[in-house]
Amino acid sequence: QVQLVESGGGLVQAGGSLRLSCVVSGNGFSISHMGWYRQAPGKQRELVAFIGSSTSVNYGDSVEGRATITRDNAKNTVTLQMTGLKPEDTAVYYCNLVTFEGLSRYDYWGQGTQVTVSS
């Protein structure tokens, strides 16, 4: 069974930085695609960053240039670093794992970690 546990959220001042980590338990991490999403109150969940099993990366427009996603397959961990935080970065951040079995896609989510950016 795959489980994702996020850590690293909290209260940060505008202009500051944060580092979120997601530890994955279960098999198949190295062949899974990983991502960070966020959801602010009253808004849809949006992509923050994605890193594929081949380590290709993609970032949401709102964080482009301010976010870096990395993965450590030896530790089953994916990390998100963000700089230049803005109050609009305030949201619950979720770790996501995507794996495929044939044509079937499976998504797993962490419980989320709150990030609050004060102005």
C-alpha atoms as a PDB file:
ATOM      1  CA  GLN A   1       0.000   0.000   0.000  1.00  0.00           C
ATOM      2  CA  VAL A   2       1.347   3.400  -0.989  1.00  0.00           C
ATOM      3  CA  GLN A   3       1.351   6.159   1.593  1.00  0.00           C
ATOM      4  CA  LEU A   4       2.599   9.720   1.249  1.00  0.00           C
ATOM      5  CA  VAL A   5       3.528  11.875   4.221  1.00  0.00           C
ATOM      6  CA  GLU A   6       4.301  15.562   3.771  1.00  0.00           C
ATOM      7  CA  SER A   7       6.227  17.771   6.127  1.00  0.00           C
ATOM      8  CA  GLY A   8       7.709  21.235   6.220  1.00  0.00           C
ATOM      9  CA  GLY A   9       4.720  23.539   6.063  1.00  0.00           C
ATOM     10  CA  GLY A  10       4.118  26.417   8.397  1.00  0.00           C
ATOM     11  CA  LEU A  11       4.053  30.187   8.635  1.00  0.00           C
ATOM     12  CA  VAL A  12       6.518  32.077   6.462  1.00  0.00           C
ATOM     13  CA  GLN A  13       6.992  35.778   5.853  1.00  0.00           C
ATOM     14  CA  ALA A  14       6.606  37.179   2.380  1.00  0.00           C
ATOM     15  CA  GLY A  15       9.887  37.026   0.541  1.00  0.00           C
ATOM     16  CA  GLY A  16      10.993  34.024   2.525  1.00  0.00           C
ATOM     17  CA  SER A  17      11.514  30.450   1.453  1.00  0.00           C
ATOM     18  CA  LEU A  18      10.209  27.024   2.320  1.00  0.00           C
ATOM     19  CA  ARG A  19      11.142  23.420   1.872  1.00  0.00           C
ATOM     20  CA  LEU A  20       8.485  20.739   1.742  1.00  0.00           C
ATOM     21  CA  SER A  21       9.280  17.053   1.824  1.00  0.00           C
ATOM     22  CA  CYS A  22       7.185  14.036   0.963  1.00  0.00           C
ATOM     23  CA  VAL A  23       8.212  10.565   2.011  1.00  0.00           C
ATOM     24  CA  VAL A  24       6.612   7.677   0.182  1.00  0.00           C
ATOM     25  CA  SER A  25       6.166   4.228   1.633  1.00  0.00           C
ATOM     26  CA  GLY A  26       5.505   1.260  -0.578  1.00  0.00           C
ATOM     27  CA  ASN A  27       7.106  -0.094  -3.682  1.00  0.00           C
ATOM     28  CA  GLY A  28       7.706   1.431  -7.060  1.00  0.00           C
ATOM     29  CA  PHE A  29       8.784   4.938  -6.100  1.00  0.00           C
ATOM     30  CA  SER A  30      11.557   5.108  -8.664  1.00  0.00           C
ATOM     31  CA  ILE A  31       9.186   4.405 -11.539  1.00  0.00           C
ATOM     32  CA  SER A  32       6.481   6.752 -10.297  1.00  0.00           C
ATOM     33  CA  HIS A  33       5.832  10.321 -11.282  1.00  0.00           C
ATOM     34  CA  MET A  34       5.693  12.777  -8.423  1.00  0.00           C
ATOM     35  CA  GLY A  35       4.128  16.149  -8.023  1.00  0.00           C
ATOM     36  CA  TRP A  36       3.191  18.911  -5.654  1.00  0.00           C
ATOM     37  CA  TYR A  37      -0.205  20.535  -5.884  1.00  0.00           C
ATOM     38  CA  ARG A  38      -1.814  23.217  -3.787  1.00  0.00           C
ATOM     39  CA  GLN A  39      -5.296  24.349  -2.984  1.00  0.00           C
ATOM     40  CA  ALA A  40      -6.213  27.700  -1.542  1.00  0.00           C
ATOM     41  CA  PRO A  41      -9.613  28.332   0.064  1.00  0.00           C
ATOM     42  CA  GLY A  42     -12.293  28.699  -2.570  1.00  0.00           C
ATOM     43  CA  LYS A  43      -9.952  27.775  -5.385  1.00  0.00           C
ATOM     44  CA  GLN A  44      -9.288  24.667  -7.420  1.00  0.00           C
ATOM     45  CA  ARG A  45      -6.294  22.492  -6.755  1.00  0.00           C
ATOM     46  CA  GLU A  46      -3.445  23.528  -9.014  1.00  0.00           C
ATOM     47  CA  LEU A  47      -0.148  22.067 -10.073  1.00  0.00           C
ATOM     48  CA  VAL A  48       2.901  23.526  -8.379  1.00  0.00           C
ATOM     49  CA  ALA A  49       5.610  21.211  -9.682  1.00  0.00           C
ATOM     50  CA  PHE A  50       6.011  17.827 -11.304  1.00  0.00           C
ATOM     51  CA  ILE A  51       8.958  15.493 -11.631  1.00  0.00           C
ATOM     52  CA  GLY A  52       8.760  12.406 -13.759  1.00  0.00           C
ATOM     53  CA  SER A  53      10.404   9.070 -13.182  1.00  0.00           C
ATOM     54  CA  SER A  54      13.012  10.201 -15.709  1.00  0.00           C
ATOM     55  CA  THR A  55      13.487  13.383 -13.633  1.00  0.00           C
ATOM     56  CA  SER A  56      11.919  15.633 -16.254  1.00  0.00           C
ATOM     57  CA  VAL A  57      10.334  18.581 -14.466  1.00  0.00           C
ATOM     58  CA  ASN A  58       7.466  20.958 -15.036  1.00  0.00           C
ATOM     59  CA  TYR A  59       6.267  23.911 -12.989  1.00  0.00           C
ATOM     60  CA  GLY A  60       3.031  25.758 -12.643  1.00  0.00           C
ATOM     61  CA  ASP A  61       2.989  29.225 -14.167  1.00  0.00           C
ATOM     62  CA  SER A  62       2.436  30.866 -10.803  1.00  0.00           C
ATOM     63  CA  VAL A  63       5.664  29.478  -9.339  1.00  0.00           C
ATOM     64  CA  GLU A  64       7.882  29.342 -12.423  1.00  0.00           C
ATOM     65  CA  GLY A  65      11.339  30.562 -11.483  1.00  0.00           C
ATOM     66  CA  ARG A  66      10.641  30.349  -7.743  1.00  0.00           C
ATOM     67  CA  ALA A  67      10.227  26.611  -7.259  1.00  0.00           C
ATOM     68  CA  THR A  68      12.538  23.637  -7.516  1.00  0.00           C
ATOM     69  CA  ILE A  69      11.386  20.044  -7.275  1.00  0.00           C
ATOM     70  CA  THR A  70      13.821  17.201  -6.715  1.00  0.00           C
ATOM     71  CA  ARG A  71      13.587  13.533  -5.914  1.00  0.00           C
ATOM     72  CA  ASP A  72      15.787  11.060  -4.105  1.00  0.00           C
ATOM     73  CA  ASN A  73      14.913   7.549  -5.180  1.00  0.00           C
ATOM     74  CA  ALA A  74      17.199   6.043  -2.562  1.00  0.00           C
ATOM     75  CA  LYS A  75      15.130   7.728   0.172  1.00  0.00           C
ATOM     76  CA  ASN A  76      11.714   7.575  -1.530  1.00  0.00           C
ATOM     77  CA  THR A  77      11.504  11.311  -1.075  1.00  0.00           C
ATOM     78  CA  VAL A  78      10.430  14.238  -3.208  1.00  0.00           C
ATOM     79  CA  THR A  79      11.227  17.769  -2.121  1.00  0.00           C
ATOM     80  CA  LEU A  80       9.834  21.133  -3.101  1.00  0.00           C
ATOM     81  CA  GLN A  81      11.814  24.287  -2.465  1.00  0.00           C
ATOM     82  CA  MET A  82      10.273  27.694  -3.025  1.00  0.00           C
ATOM     83  CA  THR A  83      11.753  31.128  -2.728  1.00  0.00           C
ATOM     84  CA  GLY A  84      10.332  34.624  -2.963  1.00  0.00           C
ATOM     85  CA  LEU A  85       7.136  33.537  -1.267  1.00  0.00           C
ATOM     86  CA  LYS A  86       4.053  35.672  -1.718  1.00  0.00           C
ATOM     87  CA  PRO A  87       0.825  35.821   0.278  1.00  0.00           C
ATOM     88  CA  GLU A  88      -0.909  34.222  -2.710  1.00  0.00           C
ATOM     89  CA  ASP A  89       1.241  31.126  -2.165  1.00  0.00           C
ATOM     90  CA  THR A  90      -0.825  30.467   0.935  1.00  0.00           C
ATOM     91  CA  ALA A  91      -2.524  27.112   0.495  1.00  0.00           C
ATOM     92  CA  VAL A  92      -2.582  23.511   1.542  1.00  0.00           C
ATOM     93  CA  TYR A  93       0.160  21.738  -0.353  1.00  0.00           C
ATOM     94  CA  TYR A  94      -0.354  18.130  -1.381  1.00  0.00           C
ATOM     95  CA  CYS A  95       2.120  15.546  -2.515  1.00  0.00           C
ATOM     96  CA  ASN A  96       0.979  13.374  -5.399  1.00  0.00           C
ATOM     97  CA  LEU A  97       2.248  10.096  -6.801  1.00  0.00           C
ATOM     98  CA  VAL A  98       1.175   8.769 -10.169  1.00  0.00           C
ATOM     99  CA  THR A  99       1.856   5.290 -11.376  1.00  0.00           C
ATOM    100  CA  PHE A 100       0.624   3.301 -14.325  1.00  0.00           C
ATOM    101  CA  GLU A 101      -0.226  -0.336 -14.740  1.00  0.00           C
ATOM    102  CA  GLY A 102      -0.796  -0.852 -18.400  1.00  0.00           C
ATOM    103  CA  LEU A 103      -3.332   1.771 -19.401  1.00  0.00           C
ATOM    104  CA  SER A 104      -4.606   2.256 -15.870  1.00  0.00           C
ATOM    105  CA  ARG A 105      -3.496   5.318 -13.961  1.00  0.00           C
ATOM    106  CA  TYR A 106      -3.350   5.355 -10.187  1.00  0.00           C
ATOM    107  CA  ASP A 107      -3.080   8.543  -8.138  1.00  0.00           C
ATOM    108  CA  TYR A 108      -2.088   8.678  -4.505  1.00  0.00           C
ATOM    109  CA  TRP A 109      -2.223  11.768  -2.308  1.00  0.00           C
ATOM    110  CA  GLY A 110      -0.759  12.865   0.943  1.00  0.00           C
ATOM    111  CA  GLN A 111      -2.829  14.438   3.675  1.00  0.00           C
ATOM    112  CA  GLY A 112      -1.572  17.921   2.858  1.00  0.00           C
ATOM    113  CA  THR A 113       0.496  20.461   4.723  1.00  0.00           C
ATOM    114  CA  GLN A 114      -0.563  24.041   5.344  1.00  0.00           C
ATOM    115  CA  VAL A 115       1.653  26.859   4.127  1.00  0.00           C
ATOM    116  CA  THR A 116       0.753  30.380   5.204  1.00  0.00           C
ATOM    117  CA  VAL A 117       2.649  33.366   3.867  1.00  0.00           C
ATOM    118  CA  SER A 118       2.214  36.555   5.847  1.00  0.00           C
ATOM    119  CA  SER A 119       2.580  39.973   4.263  1.00  0.00           C
END
